[in-house]
Amino acid sequence: MDDQFLLSALEESARQLAIEIRYENVENQGALCRIQGKKILIVSDYLPLKMKVKIVAEQLALLETDHIYLIPQIRELLNQYQKDEFI
């Protein structure tokens, strides 16, 4: 599956979860935080596309997503990262 498609689908999933994604000049790869009550996922703008997909998927996999619709490819991707978390 195309990485640009995956990133776009992950960004849409984040919007459904009321999470704003920002691509910024930061030293770390990315982090989910709360700023003035808003959930924001900050991702390094310098990462290759594949790494951006990985970072966003890892962070979304930590959240409850059963209440929103995710396309099957995204649901599967998040499930993979959830399983990796507990190994």
N, C-alpha and C. Protein backbone atom coordinates (compact mmCIF):
# COMPACT_ATOMS: atom_id res chain seq x y z
N MET A 1 0.84 -1.18 0.00
CA MET A 1 0.00 0.00 0.00
C MET A 1 0.89 1.24 0.00
N ASP A 2 0.50 2.24 -0.70
CA ASP A 2 1.24 3.48 -0.85
C ASP A 2 1.35 4.24 0.48
N ASP A 3 2.56 4.66 0.84
CA ASP A 3 2.78 5.35 2.10
C ASP A 3 2.02 6.67 2.18
N GLN A 4 1.90 7.39 1.08
CA GLN A 4 1.16 8.66 1.10
C GLN A 4 -0.31 8.41 1.40
N PHE A 5 -0.87 7.34 0.83
CA PHE A 5 -2.26 6.98 1.13
C PHE A 5 -2.41 6.64 2.61
N LEU A 6 -1.48 5.83 3.15
CA LEU A 6 -1.54 5.46 4.56
C LEU A 6 -1.46 6.69 5.46
N LEU A 7 -0.55 7.61 5.15
CA LEU A 7 -0.42 8.80 5.98
C LEU A 7 -1.70 9.63 5.93
N SER A 8 -2.26 9.80 4.76
CA SER A 8 -3.51 10.56 4.63
C SER A 8 -4.63 9.90 5.42
N ALA A 9 -4.73 8.58 5.34
CA ALA A 9 -5.76 7.85 6.08
C ALA A 9 -5.53 7.95 7.59
N LEU A 10 -4.28 7.90 8.02
CA LEU A 10 -3.97 8.08 9.44
C LEU A 10 -4.31 9.48 9.91
N GLU A 11 -4.04 10.47 9.08
CA GLU A 11 -4.37 11.86 9.42
C GLU A 11 -5.89 12.03 9.57
N GLU A 12 -6.66 11.39 8.70
CA GLU A 12 -8.12 11.43 8.80
C GLU A 12 -8.58 10.74 10.08
N SER A 13 -7.95 9.63 10.42
CA SER A 13 -8.29 8.93 11.66
C SER A 13 -8.00 9.81 12.87
N ALA A 14 -6.90 10.52 12.83
CA ALA A 14 -6.55 11.43 13.93
C ALA A 14 -7.60 12.53 14.06
N ARG A 15 -8.06 13.06 12.93
CA ARG A 15 -9.11 14.10 12.97
C ARG A 15 -10.37 13.56 13.65
N GLN A 16 -10.72 12.31 13.34
CA GLN A 16 -11.90 11.70 13.96
C GLN A 16 -11.73 11.56 15.47
N LEU A 17 -10.49 11.45 15.91
CA LEU A 17 -10.18 11.34 17.34
C LEU A 17 -9.91 12.71 17.97
N ALA A 18 -10.17 13.77 17.22
CA ALA A 18 -9.95 15.15 17.67
C ALA A 18 -8.48 15.41 18.01
N ILE A 19 -7.60 14.86 17.19
CA ILE A 19 -6.16 15.07 17.36
C ILE A 19 -5.65 15.86 16.15
N GLU A 20 -4.99 16.94 16.45
CA GLU A 20 -4.37 17.75 15.40
C GLU A 20 -2.95 17.22 15.17
N ILE A 21 -2.59 17.03 13.92
CA ILE A 21 -1.21 16.61 13.62
C ILE A 21 -0.47 17.80 13.06
N ARG A 22 0.69 18.06 13.64
CA ARG A 22 1.56 19.14 13.17
C ARG A 22 2.91 18.56 12.77
N TYR A 23 3.37 18.97 11.60
CA TYR A 23 4.70 18.58 11.13
C TYR A 23 5.60 19.79 11.34
N GLU A 24 6.54 19.66 12.26
CA GLU A 24 7.36 20.79 12.65
C GLU A 24 8.83 20.41 12.74
N ASN A 25 9.64 21.42 12.81
CA ASN A 25 11.08 21.27 12.96
C ASN A 25 11.39 20.97 14.43
N VAL A 26 11.37 19.67 14.77
CA VAL A 26 11.66 19.24 16.14
C VAL A 26 12.79 18.21 16.10
N GLU A 27 13.49 18.10 17.21
CA GLU A 27 14.63 17.18 17.25
C GLU A 27 14.21 15.73 17.45
N ASN A 28 13.15 15.50 18.25
CA ASN A 28 12.71 14.11 18.41
C ASN A 28 11.82 13.73 17.23
N GLN A 29 11.48 12.46 17.14
CA GLN A 29 10.71 12.00 15.99
C GLN A 29 9.25 12.42 16.06
N GLY A 30 8.69 12.40 17.24
CA GLY A 30 7.30 12.78 17.38
C GLY A 30 6.76 12.43 18.74
N ALA A 31 5.68 13.13 19.12
CA ALA A 31 5.08 12.88 20.43
C ALA A 31 3.65 13.40 20.44
N LEU A 32 2.81 12.69 21.15
CA LEU A 32 1.44 13.12 21.37
C LEU A 32 1.41 13.89 22.67
N CYS A 33 0.83 15.08 22.63
CA CYS A 33 0.78 15.90 23.84
C CYS A 33 -0.54 16.65 23.89
N ARG A 34 -0.74 17.33 24.99
CA ARG A 34 -1.93 18.15 25.16
C ARG A 34 -1.47 19.59 25.37
N ILE A 35 -1.95 20.48 24.52
CA ILE A 35 -1.60 21.90 24.61
C ILE A 35 -2.89 22.68 24.71
N GLN A 36 -3.05 23.40 25.81
CA GLN A 36 -4.25 24.18 26.07
C GLN A 36 -5.52 23.35 25.87
N GLY A 37 -5.47 22.11 26.36
CA GLY A 37 -6.62 21.23 26.30
C GLY A 37 -6.84 20.50 24.99
N LYS A 38 -6.03 20.79 23.98
CA LYS A 38 -6.16 20.13 22.68
C LYS A 38 -5.11 19.05 22.54
N LYS A 39 -5.52 17.89 22.01
CA LYS A 39 -4.56 16.81 21.75
C LYS A 39 -3.86 17.11 20.43
N ILE A 40 -2.53 17.12 20.48
CA ILE A 40 -1.72 17.45 19.31
C ILE A 40 -0.61 16.42 19.17
N LEU A 41 -0.48 15.92 17.97
CA LEU A 41 0.61 15.01 17.65
C LEU A 41 1.62 15.79 16.83
N ILE A 42 2.79 15.99 17.40
CA ILE A 42 3.85 16.72 16.71
C ILE A 42 4.81 15.70 16.13
N VAL A 43 5.04 15.81 14.82
CA VAL A 43 5.89 14.88 14.09
C VAL A 43 6.99 15.68 13.40
N SER A 44 8.20 15.17 13.46
CA SER A 44 9.32 15.85 12.80
C SER A 44 9.08 15.95 11.30
N ASP A 45 9.21 17.14 10.79
CA ASP A 45 9.01 17.41 9.37
C ASP A 45 10.11 16.80 8.51
N TYR A 46 11.25 16.49 9.13
CA TYR A 46 12.41 16.01 8.39
C TYR A 46 12.42 14.49 8.17
N LEU A 47 11.48 13.80 8.78
CA LEU A 47 11.45 12.34 8.64
C LEU A 47 11.00 11.93 7.24
N PRO A 48 11.50 10.80 6.76
CA PRO A 48 10.99 10.27 5.49
C PRO A 48 9.53 9.85 5.69
N LEU A 49 8.81 9.79 4.59
CA LEU A 49 7.38 9.48 4.61
C LEU A 49 7.09 8.19 5.38
N LYS A 50 7.87 7.15 5.15
CA LYS A 50 7.66 5.87 5.83
C LYS A 50 7.75 6.02 7.35
N MET A 51 8.68 6.83 7.83
CA MET A 51 8.83 7.05 9.28
C MET A 51 7.66 7.86 9.82
N LYS A 52 7.17 8.82 9.05
CA LYS A 52 6.00 9.59 9.50
C LYS A 52 4.81 8.66 9.69
N VAL A 53 4.61 7.74 8.75
CA VAL A 53 3.53 6.76 8.87
C VAL A 53 3.71 5.95 10.15
N LYS A 54 4.94 5.50 10.40
CA LYS A 54 5.22 4.69 11.58
C LYS A 54 4.93 5.45 12.87
N ILE A 55 5.39 6.69 12.96
CA ILE A 55 5.21 7.50 14.17
C ILE A 55 3.73 7.75 14.42
N VAL A 56 2.99 8.17 13.40
CA VAL A 56 1.57 8.46 13.57
C VAL A 56 0.82 7.18 13.95
N ALA A 57 1.12 6.08 13.29
CA ALA A 57 0.45 4.81 13.60
C ALA A 57 0.76 4.36 15.03
N GLU A 58 2.00 4.47 15.44
CA GLU A 58 2.37 4.08 16.81
C GLU A 58 1.58 4.88 17.84
N GLN A 59 1.47 6.18 17.61
CA GLN A 59 0.77 7.02 18.58
C GLN A 59 -0.74 6.76 18.58
N LEU A 60 -1.33 6.58 17.41
CA LEU A 60 -2.76 6.31 17.36
C LEU A 60 -3.08 4.93 17.93
N ALA A 61 -2.15 4.00 17.82
CA ALA A 61 -2.36 2.65 18.35
C ALA A 61 -2.48 2.65 19.87
N LEU A 62 -2.00 3.69 20.51
CA LEU A 62 -2.10 3.80 21.97
C LEU A 62 -3.48 4.24 22.43
N LEU A 63 -4.31 4.68 21.50
CA LEU A 63 -5.61 5.27 21.83
C LEU A 63 -6.76 4.30 21.55
N GLU A 64 -7.89 4.56 22.17
CA GLU A 64 -9.11 3.80 21.93
C GLU A 64 -9.71 4.25 20.60
N THR A 65 -9.85 3.31 19.67
CA THR A 65 -10.36 3.66 18.34
C THR A 65 -11.61 2.86 17.96
N ASP A 66 -12.13 2.08 18.89
CA ASP A 66 -13.29 1.24 18.57
C ASP A 66 -14.53 2.05 18.21
N HIS A 67 -14.61 3.29 18.67
CA HIS A 67 -15.80 4.10 18.45
C HIS A 67 -15.79 4.88 17.13
N ILE A 68 -14.73 4.76 16.35
CA ILE A 68 -14.67 5.46 15.07
C ILE A 68 -14.47 4.45 13.94
N TYR A 69 -14.86 4.87 12.75
CA TYR A 69 -14.65 4.01 11.59
C TYR A 69 -13.21 4.19 11.09
N LEU A 70 -12.52 3.08 10.94
CA LEU A 70 -11.19 3.08 10.34
C LEU A 70 -11.23 2.14 9.15
N ILE A 71 -10.63 2.56 8.05
CA ILE A 71 -10.59 1.65 6.91
C ILE A 71 -9.80 0.42 7.33
N PRO A 72 -10.10 -0.73 6.74
CA PRO A 72 -9.46 -1.97 7.18
C PRO A 72 -7.93 -1.93 7.22
N GLN A 73 -7.30 -1.26 6.25
CA GLN A 73 -5.84 -1.20 6.24
C GLN A 73 -5.30 -0.45 7.46
N ILE A 74 -5.98 0.60 7.87
CA ILE A 74 -5.54 1.37 9.04
C ILE A 74 -5.82 0.59 10.32
N ARG A 75 -6.97 -0.05 10.41
CA ARG A 75 -7.29 -0.86 11.59
C ARG A 75 -6.24 -1.96 11.77
N GLU A 76 -5.87 -2.60 10.67
CA GLU A 76 -4.85 -3.65 10.72
C GLU A 76 -3.48 -3.09 11.14
N LEU A 77 -3.11 -1.94 10.60
CA LEU A 77 -1.84 -1.31 10.94
C LEU A 77 -1.79 -0.96 12.42
N LEU A 78 -2.86 -0.37 12.94
CA LEU A 78 -2.89 -0.01 14.36
C LEU A 78 -2.86 -1.26 15.24
N ASN A 79 -3.54 -2.31 14.81
CA ASN A 79 -3.52 -3.57 15.57
C ASN A 79 -2.11 -4.14 15.63
N GLN A 80 -1.36 -4.02 14.54
CA GLN A 80 0.02 -4.50 14.53
C GLN A 80 0.85 -3.75 15.57
N TYR A 81 0.69 -2.43 15.65
CA TYR A 81 1.46 -1.65 16.61
C TYR A 81 1.00 -1.91 18.05
N GLN A 82 -0.29 -2.20 18.24
CA GLN A 82 -0.77 -2.54 19.58
C GLN A 82 -0.15 -3.85 20.05
N LYS A 83 -0.07 -4.83 19.16
CA LYS A 83 0.53 -6.11 19.50
C LYS A 83 2.01 -5.95 19.80
N ASP A 84 2.71 -5.13 19.02
CA ASP A 84 4.14 -4.90 19.25
C ASP A 84 4.38 -4.27 20.61
N GLU A 85 3.44 -3.44 21.06
CA GLU A 85 3.58 -2.74 22.32
C GLU A 85 3.66 -3.71 23.50
N PHE A 86 2.97 -4.83 23.40
CA PHE A 86 2.88 -5.73 24.54
C PHE A 86 3.83 -6.92 24.46
N ILE A 87 4.67 -6.96 23.48
CA ILE A 87 5.63 -8.08 23.35
C ILE A 87 6.82 -7.86 24.25
